[in-house]
PDB file of N, CA and C in Angstrom:
ATOM      1  N   MET A   1      15.463  -0.521   7.721  1.00  0.00           N
ATOM      2  CA  MET A   1      15.782  -0.819   6.343  1.00  0.00           C
ATOM      3  C   MET A   1      15.034   0.176   5.458  1.00  0.00           C
ATOM      4  N   LYS A   2      15.679   0.632   4.397  1.00  0.00           N
ATOM      5  CA  LYS A   2      15.058   1.598   3.500  1.00  0.00           C
ATOM      6  C   LYS A   2      15.449   1.282   2.065  1.00  0.00           C
ATOM      7  N   ASN A   3      14.480   1.373   1.174  1.00  0.00           N
ATOM      8  CA  ASN A   3      14.744   1.204  -0.250  1.00  0.00           C
ATOM      9  C   ASN A   3      13.666   1.940  -1.033  1.00  0.00           C
ATOM     10  N   ASN A   4      13.613   1.750  -2.345  1.00  0.00           N
ATOM     11  CA  ASN A   4      12.627   2.444  -3.170  1.00  0.00           C
ATOM     12  C   ASN A   4      11.220   1.895  -3.020  1.00  0.00           C
ATOM     13  N   PHE A   5      11.064   0.765  -2.381  1.00  0.00           N
ATOM     14  CA  PHE A   5       9.795   0.061  -2.334  1.00  0.00           C
ATOM     15  C   PHE A   5       9.078   0.215  -1.002  1.00  0.00           C
ATOM     16  N   PHE A   6       9.829   0.211   0.084  1.00  0.00           N
ATOM     17  CA  PHE A   6       9.240   0.045   1.403  1.00  0.00           C
ATOM     18  C   PHE A   6      10.144   0.695   2.449  1.00  0.00           C
ATOM     19  N   VAL A   7       9.572   1.277   3.483  1.00  0.00           N
ATOM     20  CA  VAL A   7      10.342   1.817   4.601  1.00  0.00           C
ATOM     21  C   VAL A   7       9.929   1.052   5.846  1.00  0.00           C
ATOM     22  N   THR A   8      10.882   0.510   6.572  1.00  0.00           N
ATOM     23  CA  THR A   8      10.582  -0.265   7.770  1.00  0.00           C
ATOM     24  C   THR A   8      11.690  -0.045   8.799  1.00  0.00           C
ATOM     25  N   SER A   9      11.634  -0.737   9.905  1.00  0.00           N
ATOM     26  CA  SER A   9      12.622  -0.573  10.963  1.00  0.00           C
ATOM     27  C   SER A   9      12.836  -1.902  11.666  1.00  0.00           C
ATOM     28  N   ALA A  10      14.043  -2.141  12.119  1.00  0.00           N
ATOM     29  CA  ALA A  10      14.342  -3.356  12.872  1.00  0.00           C
ATOM     30  C   ALA A  10      14.010  -3.189  14.351  1.00  0.00           C
ATOM     31  N   ALA A  11      13.467  -2.046  14.744  1.00  0.00           N
ATOM     32  CA  ALA A  11      13.190  -1.753  16.146  1.00  0.00           C
ATOM     33  C   ALA A  11      12.065  -2.611  16.729  1.00  0.00           C
ATOM     34  N   LEU A  12      11.197  -3.133  15.901  1.00  0.00           N
ATOM     35  CA  LEU A  12      10.102  -3.975  16.378  1.00  0.00           C
ATOM     36  C   LEU A  12      10.316  -5.418  15.935  1.00  0.00           C
ATOM     37  N   ASP A  13       9.795  -6.358  16.726  1.00  0.00           N
ATOM     38  CA  ASP A  13       9.904  -7.774  16.377  1.00  0.00           C
ATOM     39  C   ASP A  13       8.908  -8.188  15.296  1.00  0.00           C
ATOM     40  N   VAL A  14       7.928  -7.344  15.025  1.00  0.00           N
ATOM     41  CA  VAL A  14       6.888  -7.652  14.046  1.00  0.00           C
ATOM     42  C   VAL A  14       7.248  -7.001  12.714  1.00  0.00           C
ATOM     43  N   PRO A  15       7.248  -7.754  11.614  1.00  0.00           N
ATOM     44  CA  PRO A  15       7.498  -7.119  10.314  1.00  0.00           C
ATOM     45  C   PRO A  15       6.455  -6.027  10.059  1.00  0.00           C
ATOM     46  N   HIS A  16       6.905  -4.864   9.706  1.00  0.00           N
ATOM     47  CA  HIS A  16       6.002  -3.725   9.521  1.00  0.00           C
ATOM     48  C   HIS A  16       6.666  -2.726   8.586  1.00  0.00           C
ATOM     49  N   GLY A  17       5.918  -1.743   8.164  1.00  0.00           N
ATOM     50  CA  GLY A  17       6.516  -0.715   7.334  1.00  0.00           C
ATOM     51  C   GLY A  17       5.486   0.177   6.693  1.00  0.00           C
ATOM     52  N   PHE A  18       5.977   1.115   5.911  1.00  0.00           N
ATOM     53  CA  PHE A  18       5.143   2.053   5.178  1.00  0.00           C
ATOM     54  C   PHE A  18       5.469   1.909   3.698  1.00  0.00           C
ATOM     55  N   LEU A  19       4.443   1.714   2.891  1.00  0.00           N
ATOM     56  CA  LEU A  19       4.651   1.561   1.455  1.00  0.00           C
ATOM     57  C   LEU A  19       4.983   2.889   0.809  1.00  0.00           C
ATOM     58  N   LYS A  20       5.795   2.830  -0.203  1.00  0.00           N
ATOM     59  CA  LYS A  20       6.058   3.991  -1.044  1.00  0.00           C
ATOM     60  C   LYS A  20       5.284   3.814  -2.346  1.00  0.00           C
ATOM     61  N   ARG A  21       5.439   4.710  -3.255  1.00  0.00           N
ATOM     62  CA  ARG A  21       4.714   4.642  -4.524  1.00  0.00           C
ATOM     63  C   ARG A  21       5.336   3.658  -5.517  1.00  0.00           C
ATOM     64  N   HIS A  22       6.593   3.352  -5.369  1.00  0.00           N
ATOM     65  CA  HIS A  22       7.329   2.584  -6.372  1.00  0.00           C
ATOM     66  C   HIS A  22       7.114   1.078  -6.238  1.00  0.00           C
ATOM     67  N   GLY A  23       7.196   0.381  -7.362  1.00  0.00           N
ATOM     68  CA  GLY A  23       7.187  -1.077  -7.337  1.00  0.00           C
ATOM     69  C   GLY A  23       5.859  -1.731  -7.624  1.00  0.00           C
ATOM     70  N   GLY A  24       4.827  -0.952  -7.914  1.00  0.00           N
ATOM     71  CA  GLY A  24       3.509  -1.523  -8.159  1.00  0.00           C
ATOM     72  C   GLY A  24       3.187  -1.692  -9.627  1.00  0.00           C
ATOM     73  N   VAL A  25       2.031  -2.301  -9.895  1.00  0.00           N
ATOM     74  CA  VAL A  25       1.593  -2.549 -11.269  1.00  0.00           C
ATOM     75  C   VAL A  25       0.452  -1.637 -11.703  1.00  0.00           C
ATOM     76  N   SER A  26      -0.078  -0.822 -10.806  1.00  0.00           N
ATOM     77  CA  SER A  26      -1.214   0.039 -11.127  1.00  0.00           C
ATOM     78  C   SER A  26      -0.827   1.102 -12.146  1.00  0.00           C
ATOM     79  N   GLN A  27      -1.816   1.552 -12.920  1.00  0.00           N
ATOM     80  CA  GLN A  27      -1.589   2.514 -13.997  1.00  0.00           C
ATOM     81  C   GLN A  27      -2.466   3.753 -13.813  1.00  0.00           C
ATOM     82  N   GLY A  28      -2.252   4.740 -14.676  1.00  0.00           N
ATOM     83  CA  GLY A  28      -3.078   5.950 -14.669  1.00  0.00           C
ATOM     84  C   GLY A  28      -2.930   6.737 -13.385  1.00  0.00           C
ATOM     85  N   ILE A  29      -4.050   7.197 -12.824  1.00  0.00           N
ATOM     86  CA  ILE A  29      -3.983   7.980 -11.586  1.00  0.00           C
ATOM     87  C   ILE A  29      -3.512   7.141 -10.410  1.00  0.00           C
ATOM     88  N   TYR A  30      -3.535   5.824 -10.550  1.00  0.00           N
ATOM     89  CA  TYR A  30      -3.079   4.921  -9.494  1.00  0.00           C
ATOM     90  C   TYR A  30      -1.670   4.412  -9.774  1.00  0.00           C
ATOM     91  N   ASP A  31      -0.935   5.063 -10.662  1.00  0.00           N
ATOM     92  CA  ASP A  31       0.397   4.632 -11.069  1.00  0.00           C
ATOM     93  C   ASP A  31       1.309   4.557  -9.853  1.00  0.00           C
ATOM     94  N   SER A  32       1.235   3.436  -9.156  1.00  0.00           N
ATOM     95  CA  SER A  32       1.952   3.301  -7.901  1.00  0.00           C
ATOM     96  C   SER A  32       1.794   1.886  -7.374  1.00  0.00           C
ATOM     97  N   LEU A  33       2.164   1.727  -6.135  1.00  0.00           N
ATOM     98  CA  LEU A  33       1.960   0.487  -5.394  1.00  0.00           C
ATOM     99  C   LEU A  33       0.648   0.635  -4.625  1.00  0.00           C
ATOM    100  N   ASN A  34      -0.431   0.885  -5.332  1.00  0.00           N
ATOM    101  CA  ASN A  34      -1.730   1.103  -4.704  1.00  0.00           C
ATOM    102  C   ASN A  34      -2.240  -0.193  -4.080  1.00  0.00           C
ATOM    103  N   CYS A  35      -2.496  -0.176  -2.783  1.00  0.00           N
ATOM    104  CA  CYS A  35      -2.995  -1.363  -2.080  1.00  0.00           C
ATOM    105  C   CYS A  35      -4.413  -1.162  -1.562  1.00  0.00           C
ATOM    106  N   GLY A  36      -5.093  -0.130  -2.032  1.00  0.00           N
ATOM    107  CA  GLY A  36      -6.444   0.158  -1.553  1.00  0.00           C
ATOM    108  C   GLY A  36      -7.501  -0.105  -2.602  1.00  0.00           C
ATOM    109  N   TYR A  37      -8.593  -0.719  -2.185  1.00  0.00           N
ATOM    110  CA  TYR A  37      -9.699  -1.021  -3.092  1.00  0.00           C
ATOM    111  C   TYR A  37     -10.672   0.136  -3.252  1.00  0.00           C
ATOM    112  N   ARG A  38     -10.767   1.018  -2.284  1.00  0.00           N
ATOM    113  CA  ARG A  38     -11.894   1.940  -2.230  1.00  0.00           C
ATOM    114  C   ARG A  38     -11.593   3.385  -2.598  1.00  0.00           C
ATOM    115  N   HIS A  39     -10.543   3.662  -3.296  1.00  0.00           N
ATOM    116  CA  HIS A  39     -10.240   5.040  -3.670  1.00  0.00           C
ATOM    117  C   HIS A  39     -10.948   5.410  -4.965  1.00  0.00           C
ATOM    118  N   ASP A  40     -11.761   6.427  -4.926  1.00  0.00           N
ATOM    119  CA  ASP A  40     -12.435   6.947  -6.120  1.00  0.00           C
ATOM    120  C   ASP A  40     -12.173   8.438  -6.144  1.00  0.00           C
ATOM    121  N   ARG A  41     -11.082   8.813  -6.740  1.00  0.00           N
ATOM    122  CA  ARG A  41     -10.660  10.215  -6.718  1.00  0.00           C
ATOM    123  C   ARG A  41     -11.532  11.052  -7.636  1.00  0.00           C
ATOM    124  N   GLN A  42     -12.490  11.714  -7.034  1.00  0.00           N
ATOM    125  CA  GLN A  42     -13.372  12.653  -7.743  1.00  0.00           C
ATOM    126  C   GLN A  42     -13.982  12.030  -8.988  1.00  0.00           C
ATOM    127  N   GLY A  43     -14.547  10.842  -8.817  1.00  0.00           N
ATOM    128  CA  GLY A  43     -15.248  10.191  -9.910  1.00  0.00           C
ATOM    129  C   GLY A  43     -14.359   9.573 -10.968  1.00  0.00           C
ATOM    130  N   ALA A  44     -13.066   9.440 -10.686  1.00  0.00           N
ATOM    131  CA  ALA A  44     -12.132   8.908 -11.681  1.00  0.00           C
ATOM    132  C   ALA A  44     -12.191   7.386 -11.778  1.00  0.00           C
ATOM    133  N   GLY A  45     -12.904   6.746 -10.870  1.00  0.00           N
ATOM    134  CA  GLY A  45     -13.011   5.294 -10.892  1.00  0.00           C
ATOM    135  C   GLY A  45     -12.077   4.639  -9.896  1.00  0.00           C
ATOM    136  N   PHE A  46     -12.104   3.335  -9.893  1.00  0.00           N
ATOM    137  CA  PHE A  46     -11.329   2.556  -8.942  1.00  0.00           C
ATOM    138  C   PHE A  46     -10.211   1.817  -9.665  1.00  0.00           C
ATOM    139  N   ASP A  47      -9.168   1.485  -8.923  1.00  0.00           N
ATOM    140  CA  ASP A  47      -8.092   0.676  -9.481  1.00  0.00           C
ATOM    141  C   ASP A  47      -8.628  -0.738  -9.709  1.00  0.00           C
ATOM    142  N   ALA A  48      -8.107  -1.422 -10.703  1.00  0.00           N
ATOM    143  CA  ALA A  48      -8.534  -2.793 -10.995  1.00  0.00           C
ATOM    144  C   ALA A  48      -8.167  -3.714  -9.837  1.00  0.00           C
ATOM    145  N   GLU A  49      -9.091  -4.601  -9.473  1.00  0.00           N
ATOM    146  CA  GLU A  49      -8.872  -5.506  -8.347  1.00  0.00           C
ATOM    147  C   GLU A  49      -7.609  -6.340  -8.528  1.00  0.00           C
ATOM    148  N   GLU A  50      -7.342  -6.809  -9.751  1.00  0.00           N
ATOM    149  CA  GLU A  50      -6.148  -7.628  -9.965  1.00  0.00           C
ATOM    150  C   GLU A  50      -4.867  -6.829  -9.724  1.00  0.00           C
ATOM    151  N   ASN A  51      -4.886  -5.522  -9.964  1.00  0.00           N
ATOM    152  CA  ASN A  51      -3.721  -4.680  -9.667  1.00  0.00           C
ATOM    153  C   ASN A  51      -3.516  -4.558  -8.167  1.00  0.00           C
ATOM    154  N   VAL A  52      -4.599  -4.333  -7.437  1.00  0.00           N
ATOM    155  CA  VAL A  52      -4.510  -4.196  -5.980  1.00  0.00           C
ATOM    156  C   VAL A  52      -4.003  -5.498  -5.365  1.00  0.00           C
ATOM    157  N   VAL A  53      -4.524  -6.629  -5.813  1.00  0.00           N
ATOM    158  CA  VAL A  53      -4.086  -7.928  -5.295  1.00  0.00           C
ATOM    159  C   VAL A  53      -2.596  -8.140  -5.564  1.00  0.00           C
ATOM    160  N   GLU A  54      -2.137  -7.835  -6.771  1.00  0.00           N
ATOM    161  CA  GLU A  54      -0.714  -7.998  -7.101  1.00  0.00           C
ATOM    162  C   GLU A  54       0.156  -7.036  -6.298  1.00  0.00           C
ATOM    163  N   ASN A  55      -0.290  -5.802  -6.130  1.00  0.00           N
ATOM    164  CA  ASN A  55       0.472  -4.836  -5.333  1.00  0.00           C
ATOM    165  C   ASN A  55       0.591  -5.303  -3.887  1.00  0.00           C
ATOM    166  N   ARG A  56      -0.508  -5.809  -3.321  1.00  0.00           N
ATOM    167  CA  ARG A  56      -0.465  -6.332  -1.948  1.00  0.00           C
ATOM    168  C   ARG A  56       0.457  -7.541  -1.862  1.00  0.00           C
ATOM    169  N   ARG A  57       0.401  -8.424  -2.857  1.00  0.00           N
ATOM    170  CA  ARG A  57       1.273  -9.598  -2.861  1.00  0.00           C
ATOM    171  C   ARG A  57       2.740  -9.179  -2.852  1.00  0.00           C
ATOM    172  N   ARG A  58       3.084  -8.171  -3.659  1.00  0.00           N
ATOM    173  CA  ARG A  58       4.469  -7.685  -3.709  1.00  0.00           C
ATOM    174  C   ARG A  58       4.907  -7.112  -2.362  1.00  0.00           C
ATOM    175  N   ALA A  59       4.049  -6.324  -1.747  1.00  0.00           N
ATOM    176  CA  ALA A  59       4.391  -5.723  -0.455  1.00  0.00           C
ATOM    177  C   ALA A  59       4.565  -6.788   0.621  1.00  0.00           C
ATOM    178  N   ILE A  60       3.641  -7.749   0.673  1.00  0.00           N
ATOM    179  CA  ILE A  60       3.707  -8.809   1.685  1.00  0.00           C
ATOM    180  C   ILE A  60       4.934  -9.686   1.463  1.00  0.00           C
ATOM    181  N   THR A  61       5.233 -10.003   0.219  1.00  0.00           N
ATOM    182  CA  THR A  61       6.411 -10.810  -0.098  1.00  0.00           C
ATOM    183  C   THR A  61       7.689 -10.104   0.336  1.00  0.00           C
ATOM    184  N   PHE A  62       7.758  -8.797   0.131  1.00  0.00           N
ATOM    185  CA  PHE A  62       8.948  -8.046   0.515  1.00  0.00           C
ATOM    186  C   PHE A  62       9.192  -8.125   2.017  1.00  0.00           C
ATOM    187  N   VAL A  63       8.125  -8.040   2.808  1.00  0.00           N
ATOM    188  CA  VAL A  63       8.264  -8.077   4.263  1.00  0.00           C
ATOM    189  C   VAL A  63       8.513  -9.497   4.751  1.00  0.00           C
ATOM    190  N   GLY A  64       8.174 -10.480   3.944  1.00  0.00           N
ATOM    191  CA  GLY A  64       8.388 -11.866   4.344  1.00  0.00           C
ATOM    192  C   GLY A  64       7.170 -12.486   4.992  1.00  0.00           C
ATOM    193  N   GLY A  65       6.012 -11.913   4.788  1.00  0.00           N
ATOM    194  CA  GLY A  65       4.787 -12.440   5.374  1.00  0.00           C
ATOM    195  C   GLY A  65       3.996 -13.263   4.384  1.00  0.00           C
ATOM    196  N   SER A  66       2.758 -13.546   4.761  1.00  0.00           N
ATOM    197  CA  SER A  66       1.858 -14.271   3.874  1.00  0.00           C
ATOM    198  C   SER A  66       0.478 -13.624   3.939  1.00  0.00           C
ATOM    199  N   PHE A  67      -0.355 -13.898   2.947  1.00  0.00           N
ATOM    200  CA  PHE A  67      -1.703 -13.335   2.924  1.00  0.00           C
ATOM    201  C   PHE A  67      -2.520 -13.772   4.139  1.00  0.00           C
ATOM    202  N   LYS A  68      -2.179 -14.910   4.735  1.00  0.00           N
ATOM    203  CA  LYS A  68      -2.933 -15.424   5.876  1.00  0.00           C
ATOM    204  C   LYS A  68      -2.644 -14.656   7.158  1.00  0.00           C
ATOM    205  N   THR A  69      -1.497 -13.976   7.222  1.00  0.00           N
ATOM    206  CA  THR A  69      -1.083 -13.381   8.492  1.00  0.00           C
ATOM    207  C   THR A  69      -0.894 -11.872   8.470  1.00  0.00           C
ATOM    208  N   TYR A  70      -1.132 -11.214   7.360  1.00  0.00           N
ATOM    209  CA  TYR A  70      -0.835  -9.783   7.301  1.00  0.00           C
ATOM    210  C   TYR A  70      -2.033  -8.924   7.701  1.00  0.00           C
ATOM    211  N   VAL A  71      -1.732  -7.707   8.124  1.00  0.00           N
ATOM    212  CA  VAL A  71      -2.741  -6.695   8.435  1.00  0.00           C
ATOM    213  C   VAL A  71      -2.384  -5.461   7.621  1.00  0.00           C
ATOM    214  N   LEU A  72      -3.346  -4.922   6.886  1.00  0.00           N
ATOM    215  CA  LEU A  72      -3.106  -3.727   6.091  1.00  0.00           C
ATOM    216  C   LEU A  72      -3.882  -2.579   6.702  1.00  0.00           C
ATOM    217  N   GLN A  73      -3.175  -1.589   7.174  1.00  0.00           N
ATOM    218  CA  GLN A  73      -3.774  -0.397   7.772  1.00  0.00           C
ATOM    219  C   GLN A  73      -3.908   0.666   6.698  1.00  0.00           C
ATOM    220  N   SER A  74      -5.015   1.367   6.674  1.00  0.00           N
ATOM    221  CA  SER A  74      -5.161   2.451   5.702  1.00  0.00           C
ATOM    222  C   SER A  74      -5.216   3.785   6.427  1.00  0.00           C
ATOM    223  N   LYS A  75      -4.964   4.842   5.680  1.00  0.00           N
ATOM    224  CA  LYS A  75      -4.988   6.181   6.262  1.00  0.00           C
ATOM    225  C   LYS A  75      -5.815   7.089   5.368  1.00  0.00           C
ATOM    226  N   PHE A  76      -6.297   8.152   5.930  1.00  0.00           N
ATOM    227  CA  PHE A  76      -7.069   9.135   5.184  1.00  0.00           C
ATOM    228  C   PHE A  76      -6.400  10.479   5.375  1.00  0.00           C
ATOM    229  N   MET A  77      -6.106  11.167   4.293  1.00  0.00           N
ATOM    230  CA  MET A  77      -5.466  12.480   4.380  1.00  0.00           C
ATOM    231  C   MET A  77      -6.403  13.535   3.813  1.00  0.00           C
ATOM    232  N   ALA A  78      -6.516  14.638   4.538  1.00  0.00           N
ATOM    233  CA  ALA A  78      -7.363  15.737   4.074  1.00  0.00           C
ATOM    234  C   ALA A  78      -6.855  17.037   4.679  1.00  0.00           C
ATOM    235  N   ALA A  79      -7.328  18.137   4.159  1.00  0.00           N
ATOM    236  CA  ALA A  79      -6.936  19.451   4.666  1.00  0.00           C
ATOM    237  C   ALA A  79      -7.734  19.841   5.906  1.00  0.00           C
ATOM    238  N   THR A  80      -8.803  19.122   6.204  1.00  0.00           N
ATOM    239  CA  THR A  80      -9.653  19.429   7.353  1.00  0.00           C
ATOM    240  C   THR A  80      -9.123  18.735   8.600  1.00  0.00           C
ATOM    241  N   VAL A  81      -9.047  19.462   9.704  1.00  0.00           N
ATOM    242  CA  VAL A  81      -8.624  18.899  10.979  1.00  0.00           C
ATOM    243  C   VAL A  81      -9.819  18.902  11.918  1.00  0.00           C
ATOM    244  N   TRP A  82     -10.142  17.742  12.467  1.00  0.00           N
ATOM    245  CA  TRP A  82     -11.257  17.619  13.409  1.00  0.00           C
ATOM    246  C   TRP A  82     -10.696  17.507  14.820  1.00  0.00           C
ATOM    247  N   LEU A  83     -11.179  18.360  15.714  1.00  0.00           N
ATOM    248  CA  LEU A  83     -10.724  18.332  17.110  1.00  0.00           C
ATOM    249  C   LEU A  83     -11.850  17.949  18.033  1.00  0.00           C
TER     250      LEU A  83
END
């Protein structure tokens, strides 16, 4: 399944997917569906906790899960490759 909010697949029995930027309530540099609490982009500050909670609620609701049963995986992207 694909839309502006979420990318997922019916290939697995477990609801899963990758979030896109669209559909969130965050503003400014976090103008997206930001679901992370710990991003501080070069001293710019953190997204408001209530925005992160609402963004997570929207993502979980879309997949059909609940806060009690979901797992949120985070990723780190950088230009450095460690071997």
